[in-house]
Each structure stands twice: as structure tokens, then as C-alpha cells.
């Protein structure tokens, strides 16, 4: 039996976009020699994206669906955690 990944973090970069879709490059973390490419609907992103934007695809547990996190939101969360340090 083949078992899929239960948790992962992928790092994506928007290569181009039109009114409906974004062509993206997806890298593993840590990066490998070969990046994956995908065409994703803009509705899949929880934010406005433009060429060159970074985003993350995160799956925390076997029972949850992967979620897309925009870099701006990720950076804001990181800053909030660092405020008390």
C-alpha cells in the first residue's frame, strides 16, 4: 500500500497570472533540484496575488486538507509571536 504525506510545507512562487488562473512554481522545503509547476485558480488563494509573490501550502495532520497561506499573513503571524520575546 502506498501512503501519502501526512504533513508537509511547500513553498510556492507566482510565475504569472491572468484574470482567472496563476501559473506557479512549487518547491519542497528544503528545496530540491527540480521545482514543480501548476496552474491554480485565483480563487484558491486567500489573498490577492501578483507575479513574484510567495505563498505556502501547509498540511498539518493526516485528517486535514492542505491550506494556502499568503506570505503577508505568514509574516504577520511571525511578527506577533516575536513581540513578546
N, C-alpha and C. Protein backbone atom coordinates (compact mmCIF):
# COMPACT_ATOMS: atom_id res chain seq x y z
N UNK A 1 0.85 -1.18 0.00
CA UNK A 1 0.00 0.00 0.00
C UNK A 1 0.89 1.24 0.00
N UNK A 2 0.54 2.22 -0.81
CA UNK A 2 1.27 3.48 -0.87
C UNK A 2 0.62 4.45 0.11
N UNK A 3 1.44 5.05 0.94
CA UNK A 3 0.93 6.02 1.90
C UNK A 3 1.41 7.41 1.48
N UNK A 4 0.50 8.37 1.41
CA UNK A 4 0.84 9.75 1.05
C UNK A 4 1.43 10.49 2.23
N UNK A 5 1.92 11.66 1.95
CA UNK A 5 2.46 12.50 3.02
C UNK A 5 1.34 12.92 3.96
N UNK A 6 1.61 12.85 5.24
CA UNK A 6 0.58 13.26 6.20
C UNK A 6 0.76 14.72 6.61
N UNK A 7 1.98 15.21 6.63
CA UNK A 7 2.23 16.62 6.92
C UNK A 7 3.29 17.14 5.96
N UNK A 8 3.15 18.38 5.56
CA UNK A 8 4.17 18.96 4.69
C UNK A 8 4.02 20.47 4.63
N UNK A 9 5.10 21.12 4.20
CA UNK A 9 5.12 22.55 3.92
C UNK A 9 5.77 22.73 2.56
N UNK A 10 5.04 23.28 1.63
CA UNK A 10 5.56 23.57 0.30
C UNK A 10 5.64 25.08 0.14
N UNK A 11 6.63 25.55 -0.58
CA UNK A 11 6.82 26.98 -0.81
C UNK A 11 6.56 27.25 -2.29
N UNK A 12 5.65 28.18 -2.55
CA UNK A 12 5.28 28.49 -3.93
C UNK A 12 5.60 29.92 -4.29
N UNK A 13 5.82 30.14 -5.58
CA UNK A 13 6.05 31.47 -6.12
C UNK A 13 5.17 31.62 -7.36
N UNK A 14 4.48 32.74 -7.46
CA UNK A 14 3.62 33.00 -8.61
C UNK A 14 4.51 33.42 -9.78
N UNK A 15 4.47 32.62 -10.86
CA UNK A 15 5.24 32.95 -12.07
C UNK A 15 4.49 33.96 -12.94
N UNK A 16 3.20 33.73 -13.11
CA UNK A 16 2.38 34.64 -13.92
C UNK A 16 0.93 34.44 -13.53
N UNK A 17 0.07 35.38 -13.95
CA UNK A 17 -1.36 35.23 -13.69
C UNK A 17 -2.16 35.99 -14.72
N UNK A 18 -3.41 35.56 -14.86
CA UNK A 18 -4.35 36.30 -15.69
C UNK A 18 -5.57 36.59 -14.83
N UNK A 19 -6.72 36.80 -15.42
CA UNK A 19 -7.91 37.15 -14.64
C UNK A 19 -8.47 35.99 -13.82
N UNK A 20 -8.10 34.75 -14.16
CA UNK A 20 -8.69 33.59 -13.50
C UNK A 20 -7.69 32.61 -12.89
N UNK A 21 -6.50 32.51 -13.46
CA UNK A 21 -5.53 31.49 -13.04
C UNK A 21 -4.15 32.08 -12.78
N UNK A 22 -3.40 31.39 -11.93
CA UNK A 22 -1.99 31.72 -11.68
C UNK A 22 -1.15 30.50 -12.04
N UNK A 23 -0.07 30.73 -12.76
CA UNK A 23 0.91 29.67 -13.00
C UNK A 23 1.95 29.81 -11.92
N UNK A 24 2.19 28.72 -11.18
CA UNK A 24 3.05 28.80 -10.00
C UNK A 24 4.16 27.76 -10.07
N UNK A 25 5.22 28.06 -9.35
CA UNK A 25 6.33 27.13 -9.16
C UNK A 25 6.26 26.70 -7.70
N UNK A 26 6.32 25.39 -7.45
CA UNK A 26 6.20 24.88 -6.09
C UNK A 26 7.47 24.11 -5.73
N UNK A 27 8.07 24.49 -4.61
CA UNK A 27 9.30 23.85 -4.13
C UNK A 27 9.04 23.14 -2.82
N UNK A 28 9.77 22.07 -2.62
CA UNK A 28 9.73 21.39 -1.33
C UNK A 28 10.55 22.19 -0.33
N UNK A 29 10.38 21.90 0.93
CA UNK A 29 11.16 22.55 1.98
C UNK A 29 11.86 21.46 2.78
N UNK A 30 13.14 21.26 2.65
CA UNK A 30 14.14 22.05 1.93
C UNK A 30 14.01 21.86 0.41
N UNK A 31 14.49 22.85 -0.30
CA UNK A 31 14.37 22.86 -1.77
C UNK A 31 15.11 21.70 -2.40
N UNK A 32 14.58 21.22 -3.51
CA UNK A 32 15.23 20.17 -4.30
C UNK A 32 15.70 20.80 -5.61
N UNK A 33 16.37 19.98 -6.42
CA UNK A 33 16.88 20.49 -7.70
C UNK A 33 15.77 20.81 -8.69
N UNK A 34 14.65 20.13 -8.58
CA UNK A 34 13.57 20.27 -9.56
C UNK A 34 12.32 20.80 -8.87
N UNK A 35 11.84 21.95 -9.32
CA UNK A 35 10.60 22.52 -8.78
C UNK A 35 9.42 21.97 -9.57
N UNK A 36 8.26 21.91 -8.93
CA UNK A 36 7.04 21.52 -9.61
C UNK A 36 6.35 22.76 -10.15
N UNK A 37 5.50 22.57 -11.14
CA UNK A 37 4.74 23.67 -11.71
C UNK A 37 3.26 23.30 -11.71
N UNK A 38 2.41 24.29 -11.52
CA UNK A 38 0.97 24.05 -11.51
C UNK A 38 0.25 25.30 -11.99
N UNK A 39 -0.96 25.09 -12.46
CA UNK A 39 -1.86 26.18 -12.78
C UNK A 39 -2.98 26.11 -11.75
N UNK A 40 -3.13 27.18 -10.98
CA UNK A 40 -4.10 27.20 -9.89
C UNK A 40 -5.11 28.32 -10.10
N UNK A 41 -6.38 28.06 -9.76
CA UNK A 41 -7.35 29.15 -9.86
C UNK A 41 -7.07 30.22 -8.82
N UNK A 42 -7.27 31.46 -9.18
CA UNK A 42 -7.04 32.56 -8.23
C UNK A 42 -7.94 32.43 -7.01
N UNK A 43 -9.08 31.78 -7.17
CA UNK A 43 -9.99 31.59 -6.04
C UNK A 43 -9.41 30.67 -4.97
N UNK A 44 -8.34 29.94 -5.27
CA UNK A 44 -7.70 29.07 -4.29
C UNK A 44 -6.86 29.86 -3.28
N UNK A 45 -6.52 31.09 -3.64
CA UNK A 45 -5.68 31.92 -2.77
C UNK A 45 -6.55 32.77 -1.84
N UNK A 46 -6.20 32.84 -0.55
CA UNK A 46 -6.98 33.67 0.38
C UNK A 46 -6.58 35.15 0.34
N UNK A 47 -5.82 35.54 -0.69
CA UNK A 47 -5.35 36.92 -0.81
C UNK A 47 -5.19 37.25 -2.29
N UNK A 48 -4.95 38.51 -2.56
CA UNK A 48 -4.62 38.93 -3.93
C UNK A 48 -3.17 38.53 -4.19
N UNK A 49 -2.89 37.95 -5.35
CA UNK A 49 -1.51 37.59 -5.68
C UNK A 49 -1.09 38.29 -6.96
N UNK A 50 0.22 38.49 -7.07
CA UNK A 50 0.79 39.05 -8.29
C UNK A 50 2.08 38.30 -8.60
N UNK A 51 2.59 38.52 -9.77
CA UNK A 51 3.81 37.85 -10.20
C UNK A 51 4.93 38.09 -9.19
N UNK A 52 5.60 37.02 -8.77
CA UNK A 52 6.70 37.12 -7.83
C UNK A 52 6.31 36.90 -6.38
N UNK A 53 5.00 36.88 -6.08
CA UNK A 53 4.56 36.67 -4.69
C UNK A 53 4.88 35.25 -4.22
N UNK A 54 5.21 35.15 -2.95
CA UNK A 54 5.47 33.86 -2.31
C UNK A 54 4.25 33.45 -1.50
N UNK A 55 3.96 32.16 -1.50
CA UNK A 55 2.88 31.61 -0.68
C UNK A 55 3.32 30.25 -0.17
N UNK A 56 2.57 29.71 0.78
CA UNK A 56 2.90 28.43 1.39
C UNK A 56 1.70 27.51 1.29
N UNK A 57 1.96 26.23 1.09
CA UNK A 57 0.91 25.21 1.15
C UNK A 57 1.25 24.33 2.35
N UNK A 58 0.35 24.32 3.33
CA UNK A 58 0.62 23.67 4.61
C UNK A 58 -0.43 22.60 4.89
N UNK A 59 0.03 21.43 5.27
CA UNK A 59 -0.83 20.34 5.73
C UNK A 59 -0.28 19.88 7.07
N UNK A 60 -1.09 20.06 8.12
CA UNK A 60 -0.60 19.80 9.48
C UNK A 60 -0.85 18.38 9.97
N UNK A 61 -1.96 17.79 9.60
CA UNK A 61 -2.27 16.43 10.07
C UNK A 61 -2.82 15.60 8.93
N UNK A 62 -2.86 14.30 9.16
CA UNK A 62 -3.37 13.38 8.15
C UNK A 62 -4.84 13.65 7.84
N UNK A 63 -5.57 14.15 8.82
CA UNK A 63 -7.02 14.34 8.67
C UNK A 63 -7.43 15.71 8.14
N UNK A 64 -6.49 16.62 7.94
CA UNK A 64 -6.84 17.96 7.46
C UNK A 64 -6.45 18.12 6.00
N UNK A 65 -7.15 19.03 5.34
CA UNK A 65 -6.82 19.37 3.95
C UNK A 65 -5.67 20.38 3.95
N UNK A 66 -4.85 20.38 2.91
CA UNK A 66 -3.82 21.42 2.80
C UNK A 66 -4.46 22.80 2.69
N UNK A 67 -3.81 23.80 3.25
CA UNK A 67 -4.29 25.19 3.16
C UNK A 67 -3.20 26.05 2.53
N UNK A 68 -3.64 27.08 1.82
CA UNK A 68 -2.71 28.03 1.22
C UNK A 68 -2.62 29.23 2.15
N UNK A 69 -1.41 29.62 2.48
CA UNK A 69 -1.16 30.77 3.35
C UNK A 69 -0.35 31.79 2.56
N UNK A 70 -0.82 33.00 2.51
CA UNK A 70 -0.10 34.06 1.81
C UNK A 70 1.08 34.53 2.65
N UNK A 71 2.15 34.93 2.00
CA UNK A 71 3.35 35.34 2.72
C UNK A 71 3.08 36.49 3.68
N UNK A 72 2.26 37.46 3.27
CA UNK A 72 1.95 38.60 4.14
C UNK A 72 1.33 38.13 5.44
N UNK A 73 0.39 37.20 5.36
CA UNK A 73 -0.27 36.68 6.56
C UNK A 73 0.73 35.88 7.40
N UNK A 74 1.58 35.09 6.74
CA UNK A 74 2.59 34.30 7.43
C UNK A 74 3.56 35.21 8.18
N UNK A 75 4.02 36.27 7.52
CA UNK A 75 4.95 37.22 8.14
C UNK A 75 4.29 37.94 9.32
N UNK A 76 3.01 38.31 9.18
CA UNK A 76 2.30 38.99 10.26
C UNK A 76 2.18 38.08 11.48
N UNK A 77 1.90 36.80 11.26
CA UNK A 77 1.80 35.84 12.36
C UNK A 77 3.14 35.68 13.05
N UNK A 78 4.21 35.64 12.27
CA UNK A 78 5.55 35.51 12.83
C UNK A 78 5.90 36.73 13.68
N UNK A 79 5.54 37.93 13.22
CA UNK A 79 5.83 39.16 13.97
C UNK A 79 5.07 39.19 15.29
N UNK A 80 3.82 38.74 15.29
CA UNK A 80 3.01 38.71 16.51
C UNK A 80 3.66 37.80 17.53
N UNK A 81 4.15 36.65 17.11
CA UNK A 81 4.81 35.72 18.04
C UNK A 81 6.09 36.31 18.61
N UNK A 82 6.79 37.12 17.84
CA UNK A 82 8.07 37.69 18.28
C UNK A 82 7.91 38.91 19.17
N UNK A 83 6.71 39.48 19.27
CA UNK A 83 6.50 40.68 20.05
C UNK A 83 6.83 40.45 21.52
N UNK A 84 6.48 39.31 22.08
CA UNK A 84 6.69 39.04 23.49
C UNK A 84 8.09 38.57 23.84
N UNK A 85 8.93 38.39 22.85
CA UNK A 85 10.29 37.86 23.13
C UNK A 85 11.26 38.97 23.47
